Amino acid sequence: MASSFFLLLMLLVVAPLALLLFLRLIARPRLTKVPIKGRHVLISGGSSGIGLAMAELAAMEGASCVSILARDPRKLEDAKCQIQLSTGLPDDRVRVLIADVRDFEGVKRVVEEASAGGPPVDVLVCNQGVFVPQELESQEMDTAKYMVDINLIGTLHLIKAVLPQMKHRDDPSTPASIALMSSQAGQVGIYGYVAYSASKFGLRGLGEALQQEVIVDNIRVSLIFPPETQTPGLLEENKTKPEITKIIAASSYAMEAKEVARKALDGIKAGRFIVTCNFEGFMLSIATAGVSPQTSYGMAFIEVVAAGFIRVVGLCFLWNWFGIAERWHAERKNSLQEATRYVGGMRSSSALISRLVFLPKQGDYTASSFSLSPYPRNGLCYLIYMHFTGDGWQVR
């Protein structure tokens, strides 16, 4: 009886404590604080959305200078006015940087101008990003490259431009920070997000390798994973978002930009490598921990203990997502067959269906166009538009 009790004590108390102590010893980099007060904060994509909200928060927390970088001069000036009105920051402490992150020389020039005669950049937030959701087969390669160039290559340009002055900042004993704005689509692939996820997954590799390079310079890297966020670009994104993507995304809610900005800035200040913004992101961070840096030995303990269970949960989600795609395409196939039968019944025996194209709307294929081959008697080509009403297909 005593031996059983001792064994149970070992399993429930001693073993977890031993693991916790071991993780405390090996977790790297060490936990630290990255102050915002009195620092120069540079935020790309700072003219709207999450970037603008972070700029306002940084100003409210006492940043000595807030620089916002974007391409549109008018939006940048409007953003500058908003920051000054909401925080009272003087004109010379809010700097506007006009550049396209795809142009390294242009980025390098404005970054140097931002620190000329003032403090070097202490906190860099690479927040710029574009998102055009669409199946890869339908998406133009120029669009896919555009996303990768801005989301991934643009981040490399920003970091390379800022690193020299960040390494020679006024107080190297105080941690600096480089934050990369990824996405939950940078933790798990989603239907319709092929190019976008590729660019955001790339940020993880960038961040993990960069942290090893700059830790000796007392620079911390943070990788932020926001969910879908209520920003000016969200409505545009929804216009091209595939129906399957909308169904999958409906299981989560879109956060407000200010809420994401607060979570992101808190994570940067805490020096965390992985920064999540909601419960789903927290669960994904456990499922995708891999060999990424971990400053918190407590969080490392949770990752080790919960990894197996979270893997099962993740597989359940994937089972559901694959099922959504399979059912959607099966319904499309059935609708196609039904429409074909309908047209086959109404056309003349000599007419042949040469082309059948469906147009998606509201989650299923509700409209179709049929191109009939030239009618033998007069050589004309007929185009018939159909509409599915629930009672069947009707000619429009």
Protein backbone atom coordinates (compact mmCIF):
# COMPACT_ATOMS: atom_id res chain seq x y z
CA MET A 1 0.00 0.00 0.00
CA ALA A 2 2.80 2.39 0.94
CA SER A 3 4.68 1.63 -2.27
CA SER A 4 1.57 2.39 -4.36
CA PHE A 5 1.10 5.71 -2.58
CA PHE A 6 4.76 6.58 -3.11
CA LEU A 7 4.51 5.74 -6.82
CA LEU A 8 1.39 7.89 -7.17
CA LEU A 9 3.14 10.77 -5.40
CA MET A 10 6.05 10.48 -7.80
CA LEU A 11 3.77 10.57 -10.84
CA LEU A 12 1.52 13.42 -9.71
CA VAL A 13 3.93 15.70 -7.84
CA VAL A 14 7.61 14.90 -8.16
CA ALA A 15 7.74 14.21 -11.91
CA PRO A 16 5.90 17.43 -12.92
CA LEU A 17 8.04 19.48 -10.54
CA ALA A 18 11.20 17.93 -11.91
CA LEU A 19 10.07 18.68 -15.47
CA LEU A 20 9.21 22.26 -14.52
CA LEU A 21 12.62 22.81 -12.94
CA PHE A 22 14.35 21.28 -15.96
CA LEU A 23 12.41 23.55 -18.34
CA ARG A 24 13.27 26.56 -16.21
CA LEU A 25 16.92 25.67 -16.69
CA ILE A 26 16.82 25.24 -20.49
CA ALA A 27 14.12 27.70 -21.71
CA ARG A 28 15.73 30.31 -23.98
CA PRO A 29 15.99 33.21 -24.37
CA ARG A 30 15.56 34.34 -20.78
CA LEU A 31 12.46 36.28 -19.83
CA THR A 32 12.92 40.05 -19.97
CA LYS A 33 10.98 43.29 -20.31
CA VAL A 34 11.10 45.56 -23.36
CA PRO A 35 10.15 49.11 -22.32
CA ILE A 36 8.20 51.40 -24.63
CA LYS A 37 8.53 54.60 -22.62
CA GLY A 38 11.32 56.81 -23.93
CA ARG A 39 11.93 54.60 -26.98
CA HIS A 40 11.77 55.19 -30.73
CA VAL A 41 9.04 52.92 -32.14
CA LEU A 42 8.77 52.36 -35.90
CA ILE A 43 5.64 50.67 -37.26
CA SER A 44 5.15 49.73 -40.90
CA GLY A 45 1.60 49.62 -42.20
CA GLY A 46 1.00 52.34 -39.64
CA SER A 47 -1.54 54.39 -41.56
CA SER A 48 -4.56 52.25 -40.64
CA GLY A 49 -5.83 49.17 -38.84
CA ILE A 50 -3.63 47.35 -36.34
CA GLY A 51 -0.56 49.46 -37.16
CA LEU A 52 -2.30 52.76 -36.44
CA ALA A 53 -3.80 51.36 -33.24
CA MET A 54 -0.34 50.20 -32.08
CA ALA A 55 1.15 53.61 -32.89
CA GLU A 56 -1.48 55.30 -30.72
CA LEU A 57 -0.86 52.87 -27.85
CA ALA A 58 2.92 53.33 -28.07
CA ALA A 59 2.48 57.11 -27.96
CA MET A 60 0.16 56.81 -24.94
CA GLU A 61 2.78 54.70 -23.15
CA GLY A 62 5.41 57.41 -23.50
CA ALA A 63 7.37 56.54 -26.61
CA SER A 64 9.85 59.33 -27.32
CA CYS A 65 9.16 59.06 -31.05
CA VAL A 66 6.62 57.14 -33.13
CA SER A 67 7.42 56.65 -36.81
CA ILE A 68 4.73 55.22 -39.11
CA LEU A 69 5.62 53.85 -42.54
CA ALA A 70 3.28 53.25 -45.48
CA ARG A 71 2.88 54.07 -49.18
CA ASP A 72 -0.02 56.55 -49.20
CA PRO A 73 1.03 60.09 -48.10
CA ARG A 74 -2.55 61.24 -47.52
CA LYS A 75 -3.40 58.29 -45.27
CA LEU A 76 -0.15 58.77 -43.38
CA GLU A 77 -0.89 62.44 -42.70
CA ASP A 78 -4.42 61.56 -41.55
CA ALA A 79 -2.96 58.89 -39.27
CA LYS A 80 -0.42 61.36 -37.86
CA CYS A 81 -3.20 63.82 -37.02
CA GLN A 82 -5.20 61.05 -35.35
CA ILE A 83 -2.22 60.01 -33.22
CA GLN A 84 -1.57 63.58 -32.14
CA LEU A 85 -5.24 64.25 -31.35
CA SER A 86 -5.62 61.08 -29.29
CA THR A 87 -2.29 61.26 -27.45
CA GLY A 88 -1.18 64.89 -27.46
CA LEU A 89 2.21 63.92 -28.87
CA PRO A 90 4.07 66.92 -30.38
CA ASP A 91 4.46 67.19 -34.14
CA ASP A 92 8.19 66.44 -34.10
CA ARG A 93 7.63 63.16 -32.21
CA VAL A 94 5.32 61.62 -34.81
CA ARG A 95 7.20 60.95 -38.02
CA VAL A 96 5.74 59.98 -41.38
CA LEU A 97 7.80 57.66 -43.60
CA ILE A 98 6.65 57.18 -47.21
CA ALA A 99 8.04 54.02 -48.78
CA ASP A 100 7.11 50.78 -50.49
CA VAL A 101 8.55 47.89 -48.46
CA ARG A 102 9.32 46.04 -51.71
CA ASP A 103 11.97 48.70 -52.46
CA PHE A 104 14.92 48.08 -50.16
CA GLU A 105 16.81 51.27 -51.07
CA GLY A 106 13.69 53.35 -50.46
CA VAL A 107 13.10 51.69 -47.09
CA LYS A 108 16.73 52.14 -46.10
CA ARG A 109 16.61 55.83 -46.98
CA VAL A 110 13.49 56.68 -44.96
CA VAL A 111 14.67 54.62 -41.96
CA GLU A 112 17.89 56.62 -41.90
CA GLU A 113 15.88 59.85 -42.18
CA ALA A 114 13.66 58.78 -39.28
CA SER A 115 16.62 58.51 -36.91
CA ALA A 116 18.61 61.44 -38.27
CA GLY A 117 19.32 63.90 -35.47
CA GLY A 118 17.37 61.75 -33.02
CA PRO A 119 17.33 58.37 -31.31
CA PRO A 120 17.81 55.21 -33.39
CA VAL A 121 14.95 52.77 -33.73
CA ASP A 122 14.52 50.71 -30.54
CA VAL A 123 11.31 48.86 -31.41
CA LEU A 124 10.46 47.80 -34.97
CA VAL A 125 7.00 46.42 -35.76
CA CYS A 126 6.78 44.88 -39.24
CA ASN A 127 3.04 45.15 -39.59
CA GLN A 128 2.58 45.68 -43.34
CA GLY A 129 0.56 43.03 -45.11
CA VAL A 130 -1.76 42.26 -48.01
CA PHE A 131 -4.23 39.42 -48.37
CA VAL A 132 -6.08 38.25 -51.48
CA PRO A 133 -7.89 34.98 -50.63
CA GLN A 134 -8.43 32.77 -53.68
CA GLU A 135 -7.76 29.23 -54.85
CA LEU A 136 -4.26 29.00 -56.32
CA GLU A 137 -5.58 27.57 -59.60
CA SER A 138 -7.65 30.74 -60.14
CA GLN A 139 -5.17 33.23 -58.72
CA GLU A 140 -2.82 35.16 -60.99
CA MET A 141 0.85 34.57 -60.22
CA ASP A 142 1.42 38.32 -60.08
CA THR A 143 -1.07 38.45 -57.18
CA ALA A 144 0.63 35.59 -55.36
CA LYS A 145 4.06 37.19 -55.80
CA TYR A 146 2.65 40.54 -54.66
CA MET A 147 1.62 38.99 -51.33
CA VAL A 148 4.95 37.26 -50.82
CA ASP A 149 6.92 40.39 -51.77
CA ILE A 150 5.08 42.62 -49.29
CA ASN A 151 4.45 40.20 -46.44
CA LEU A 152 7.79 38.35 -46.42
CA ILE A 153 10.40 40.11 -48.56
CA GLY A 154 9.22 43.51 -47.33
CA THR A 155 9.82 42.35 -43.76
CA LEU A 156 13.36 41.31 -44.63
CA HIS A 157 13.95 44.76 -46.14
CA LEU A 158 12.71 46.52 -43.01
CA ILE A 159 14.80 44.42 -40.65
CA LYS A 160 17.97 44.75 -42.71
CA ALA A 161 17.50 48.53 -42.90
CA VAL A 162 16.94 48.91 -39.16
CA LEU A 163 19.45 46.44 -37.71
CA PRO A 164 22.62 48.54 -38.04
CA GLN A 165 21.24 51.45 -36.00
CA MET A 166 19.37 49.18 -33.58
CA LYS A 167 22.59 47.38 -32.74
CA HIS A 168 24.24 50.76 -32.03
CA ARG A 169 21.38 52.23 -30.02
CA ASP A 170 22.07 54.60 -27.12
CA ASP A 171 21.47 52.05 -24.35
CA PRO A 172 22.35 48.50 -25.45
CA SER A 173 21.72 47.23 -21.92
CA THR A 174 17.98 47.85 -22.42
CA PRO A 175 16.40 45.23 -24.71
CA ALA A 176 15.29 46.30 -28.18
CA SER A 177 12.60 44.50 -30.13
CA ILE A 178 11.73 43.36 -33.65
CA ALA A 179 8.12 42.25 -33.97
CA LEU A 180 6.76 40.37 -36.99
CA MET A 181 3.03 40.52 -37.67
CA SER A 182 2.14 37.06 -38.89
CA SER A 183 -1.37 35.57 -38.78
CA GLN A 184 -3.18 32.49 -37.53
CA ALA A 185 -2.93 31.52 -41.21
CA GLY A 186 0.81 31.44 -40.48
CA GLN A 187 0.16 28.68 -37.92
CA VAL A 188 -2.22 26.49 -39.92
CA GLY A 189 -2.99 26.34 -43.62
CA ILE A 190 -6.53 27.28 -44.70
CA TYR A 191 -8.36 26.66 -47.98
CA GLY A 192 -7.94 29.66 -50.27
CA TYR A 193 -4.90 30.99 -48.38
CA VAL A 194 -2.10 29.21 -50.28
CA ALA A 195 0.09 32.21 -51.21
CA TYR A 196 -0.87 34.19 -48.10
CA SER A 197 -0.09 31.31 -45.73
CA ALA A 198 3.20 30.71 -47.54
CA SER A 199 4.23 34.31 -46.84
CA LYS A 200 3.12 34.16 -43.20
CA PHE A 201 4.63 30.72 -42.50
CA GLY A 202 7.87 32.15 -43.89
CA LEU A 203 7.88 34.79 -41.16
CA ARG A 204 8.18 32.05 -38.56
CA GLY A 205 11.39 30.69 -40.04
CA LEU A 206 12.66 34.23 -40.39
CA GLY A 207 11.90 35.02 -36.76
CA GLU A 208 13.35 31.82 -35.31
CA ALA A 209 16.63 32.20 -37.17
CA LEU A 210 16.82 35.95 -36.55
CA GLN A 211 16.41 35.54 -32.79
CA GLN A 212 19.54 33.39 -32.68
CA GLU A 213 21.48 36.02 -34.64
CA VAL A 214 20.49 39.06 -32.57
CA ILE A 215 20.23 37.69 -29.03
CA VAL A 216 23.85 38.71 -28.38
CA ASP A 217 22.84 42.30 -29.17
CA ASN A 218 20.06 42.16 -26.58
CA ILE A 219 17.37 42.30 -29.28
CA ARG A 220 14.20 40.28 -28.80
CA VAL A 221 12.08 38.96 -31.65
CA SER A 222 8.32 38.62 -31.30
CA LEU A 223 6.10 36.70 -33.69
CA ILE A 224 2.49 37.89 -33.47
CA PHE A 225 -0.42 35.70 -34.62
CA PRO A 226 -3.63 37.75 -34.88
CA PRO A 227 -6.88 36.16 -36.09
CA GLU A 228 -9.14 37.78 -38.69
CA THR A 229 -9.31 41.44 -37.67
CA GLN A 230 -11.77 44.23 -38.38
CA THR A 231 -9.60 46.44 -40.60
CA PRO A 232 -10.26 48.51 -43.75
CA GLY A 233 -8.95 45.62 -45.86
CA LEU A 234 -11.32 43.01 -44.46
CA LEU A 235 -14.30 44.02 -46.63
CA GLU A 236 -12.11 43.86 -49.74
CA GLU A 237 -10.80 40.45 -48.70
CA ASN A 238 -14.32 39.09 -48.29
CA LYS A 239 -15.17 40.04 -51.88
CA THR A 240 -12.80 37.41 -53.26
CA LYS A 241 -12.85 34.92 -50.41
CA PRO A 242 -13.89 31.44 -51.61
CA GLU A 243 -17.13 30.09 -50.15
CA ILE A 244 -15.33 27.17 -48.49
CA THR A 245 -13.01 29.66 -46.79
CA LYS A 246 -15.99 31.65 -45.53
CA ILE A 247 -17.56 28.51 -44.05
CA ILE A 248 -14.33 27.56 -42.27
CA ALA A 249 -13.72 31.13 -41.05
CA ALA A 250 -17.28 31.37 -39.69
CA SER A 251 -16.24 29.21 -36.73
CA SER A 252 -14.19 32.10 -35.32
CA TYR A 253 -14.93 35.78 -34.77
CA ALA A 254 -13.06 38.80 -36.08
CA MET A 255 -11.30 40.84 -33.39
CA GLU A 256 -11.19 44.63 -33.27
CA ALA A 257 -7.94 46.27 -34.41
CA LYS A 258 -7.43 48.01 -31.07
CA GLU A 259 -7.86 44.73 -29.20
CA VAL A 260 -5.25 43.01 -31.37
CA ALA A 261 -2.93 46.02 -31.03
CA ARG A 262 -3.12 45.84 -27.24
CA LYS A 263 -2.38 42.10 -27.19
CA ALA A 264 0.50 42.58 -29.61
CA LEU A 265 2.09 45.46 -27.71
CA ASP A 266 1.76 43.62 -24.39
CA GLY A 267 3.53 40.62 -25.94
CA ILE A 268 6.34 42.81 -27.25
CA LYS A 269 6.79 44.48 -23.86
CA ALA A 270 6.93 41.07 -22.17
CA GLY A 271 9.67 39.96 -24.60
CA ARG A 272 7.67 36.91 -25.70
CA PHE A 273 8.63 35.18 -28.93
CA ILE A 274 5.15 33.78 -29.64
CA VAL A 275 2.38 36.33 -29.11
CA THR A 276 -1.21 35.12 -29.42
CA CYS A 277 -4.34 37.24 -29.39
CA ASN A 278 -7.18 34.87 -28.46
CA PHE A 279 -7.86 31.37 -27.13
CA GLU A 280 -7.71 29.77 -30.58
CA GLY A 281 -4.32 31.35 -31.17
CA PHE A 282 -3.14 30.09 -27.77
CA MET A 283 -4.17 26.54 -28.65
CA LEU A 284 -2.49 26.81 -32.05
CA SER A 285 0.70 28.04 -30.40
CA ILE A 286 0.81 24.83 -28.36
CA ALA A 287 0.06 22.65 -31.37
CA THR A 288 2.77 24.33 -33.47
CA ALA A 289 5.42 24.98 -30.80
CA GLY A 290 8.00 22.77 -32.48
CA VAL A 291 11.48 23.99 -31.56
CA SER A 292 10.64 27.69 -31.45
CA PRO A 293 12.16 29.88 -28.70
CA GLN A 294 10.26 29.96 -25.42
CA THR A 295 10.97 32.60 -22.77
CA SER A 296 8.46 31.23 -20.24
CA TYR A 297 9.26 27.90 -18.62
CA GLY A 298 5.66 27.78 -17.40
CA MET A 299 4.41 28.01 -20.98
CA ALA A 300 7.03 25.45 -22.01
CA PHE A 301 5.58 23.10 -19.38
CA ILE A 302 2.07 23.55 -20.83
CA GLU A 303 3.38 22.89 -24.34
CA VAL A 304 5.07 19.65 -23.29
CA VAL A 305 2.15 18.34 -21.24
CA ALA A 306 -0.68 19.38 -23.56
CA ALA A 307 0.98 18.70 -26.94
CA GLY A 308 -0.54 15.23 -27.42
CA PHE A 309 -4.08 16.26 -26.53
CA ILE A 310 -3.92 19.42 -28.66
CA ARG A 311 -2.68 17.33 -31.59
CA VAL A 312 -5.86 15.24 -31.36
CA VAL A 313 -7.99 18.39 -31.23
CA GLY A 314 -6.16 19.76 -34.26
CA LEU A 315 -6.79 16.57 -36.22
CA CYS A 316 -10.49 16.88 -35.39
CA PHE A 317 -10.54 20.41 -36.83
CA LEU A 318 -8.75 19.24 -39.97
CA TRP A 319 -11.23 16.37 -40.33
CA ASN A 320 -14.04 18.93 -40.28
CA TRP A 321 -12.32 21.27 -42.77
CA PHE A 322 -11.60 18.48 -45.23
CA GLY A 323 -15.22 17.39 -44.85
CA ILE A 324 -16.45 20.91 -45.64
CA ALA A 325 -14.40 20.98 -48.86
CA GLU A 326 -15.52 17.49 -49.91
CA ARG A 327 -19.23 18.20 -49.26
CA TRP A 328 -19.07 21.55 -51.05
CA HIS A 329 -17.50 20.06 -54.16
CA ALA A 330 -19.92 17.11 -54.07
CA GLU A 331 -22.87 19.56 -54.03
CA ARG A 332 -21.30 21.42 -56.95
CA LYS A 333 -20.98 18.19 -58.91
CA ASN A 334 -24.61 17.23 -58.19
CA SER A 335 -25.82 20.69 -59.26
CA LEU A 336 -23.81 20.39 -62.46
CA GLN A 337 -25.36 17.03 -63.27
CA GLU A 338 -28.87 18.29 -62.55
CA ALA A 339 -28.39 21.36 -64.74
CA THR A 340 -27.00 19.24 -67.55
CA ARG A 341 -30.02 16.97 -67.43
CA TYR A 342 -32.34 19.98 -67.47
CA VAL A 343 -30.74 21.53 -70.53
CA GLY A 344 -30.56 18.14 -72.20
CA GLY A 345 -34.33 17.86 -71.87
CA MET A 346 -35.06 21.30 -73.33
CA ARG A 347 -32.62 21.44 -76.28
CA SER A 348 -33.16 20.05 -79.75
CA SER A 349 -31.64 16.71 -80.61
CA SER A 350 -29.14 18.33 -82.96
CA ALA A 351 -27.80 20.87 -80.41
CA LEU A 352 -24.73 19.95 -78.39
CA ILE A 353 -23.56 21.42 -75.10
CA SER A 354 -20.06 22.68 -75.80
CA ARG A 355 -19.36 24.52 -72.56
CA LEU A 356 -20.79 24.67 -69.03
CA VAL A 357 -19.61 27.22 -66.47
CA PHE A 358 -20.94 27.75 -62.94
CA LEU A 359 -20.81 31.04 -61.04
CA PRO A 360 -20.56 30.73 -57.21
CA LYS A 361 -22.86 32.74 -54.99
CA GLN A 362 -23.97 32.44 -51.34
CA GLY A 363 -22.28 29.15 -50.59
CA ASP A 364 -23.38 27.09 -53.59
CA TYR A 365 -23.52 27.32 -57.34
CA THR A 366 -26.73 29.22 -57.93
CA ALA A 367 -26.17 30.46 -61.47
CA SER A 368 -24.85 28.86 -64.60
CA SER A 369 -24.35 29.64 -68.24
CA PHE A 370 -24.65 27.17 -71.06
CA SER A 371 -23.08 27.76 -74.45
CA LEU A 372 -24.86 25.70 -77.11
CA SER A 373 -23.12 24.77 -80.32
CA PRO A 374 -24.19 26.58 -83.52
CA TYR A 375 -27.71 25.63 -84.47
CA PRO A 376 -27.58 23.68 -87.78
CA ARG A 377 -30.33 25.69 -89.47
CA ASN A 378 -29.10 29.26 -89.00
CA GLY A 379 -25.53 28.97 -87.69
CA LEU A 380 -26.27 30.97 -84.48
CA CYS A 381 -24.75 30.26 -81.08
CA TYR A 382 -27.21 30.33 -78.16
CA LEU A 383 -26.31 31.25 -74.58
CA ILE A 384 -28.79 30.17 -71.91
CA TYR A 385 -28.61 31.53 -68.34
CA MET A 386 -29.98 29.32 -65.58
CA HIS A 387 -30.91 29.99 -61.94
CA PHE A 388 -31.36 27.41 -59.20
CA THR A 389 -34.35 28.23 -56.98
CA GLY A 390 -34.72 25.25 -54.66
CA ASP A 391 -37.60 23.93 -56.78
CA GLY A 392 -35.19 23.27 -59.62
CA TRP A 393 -33.36 25.02 -62.41
CA GLN A 394 -35.15 27.79 -64.30
CA VAL A 395 -34.21 29.61 -67.48
CA ARG A 396 -33.37 33.28 -66.95
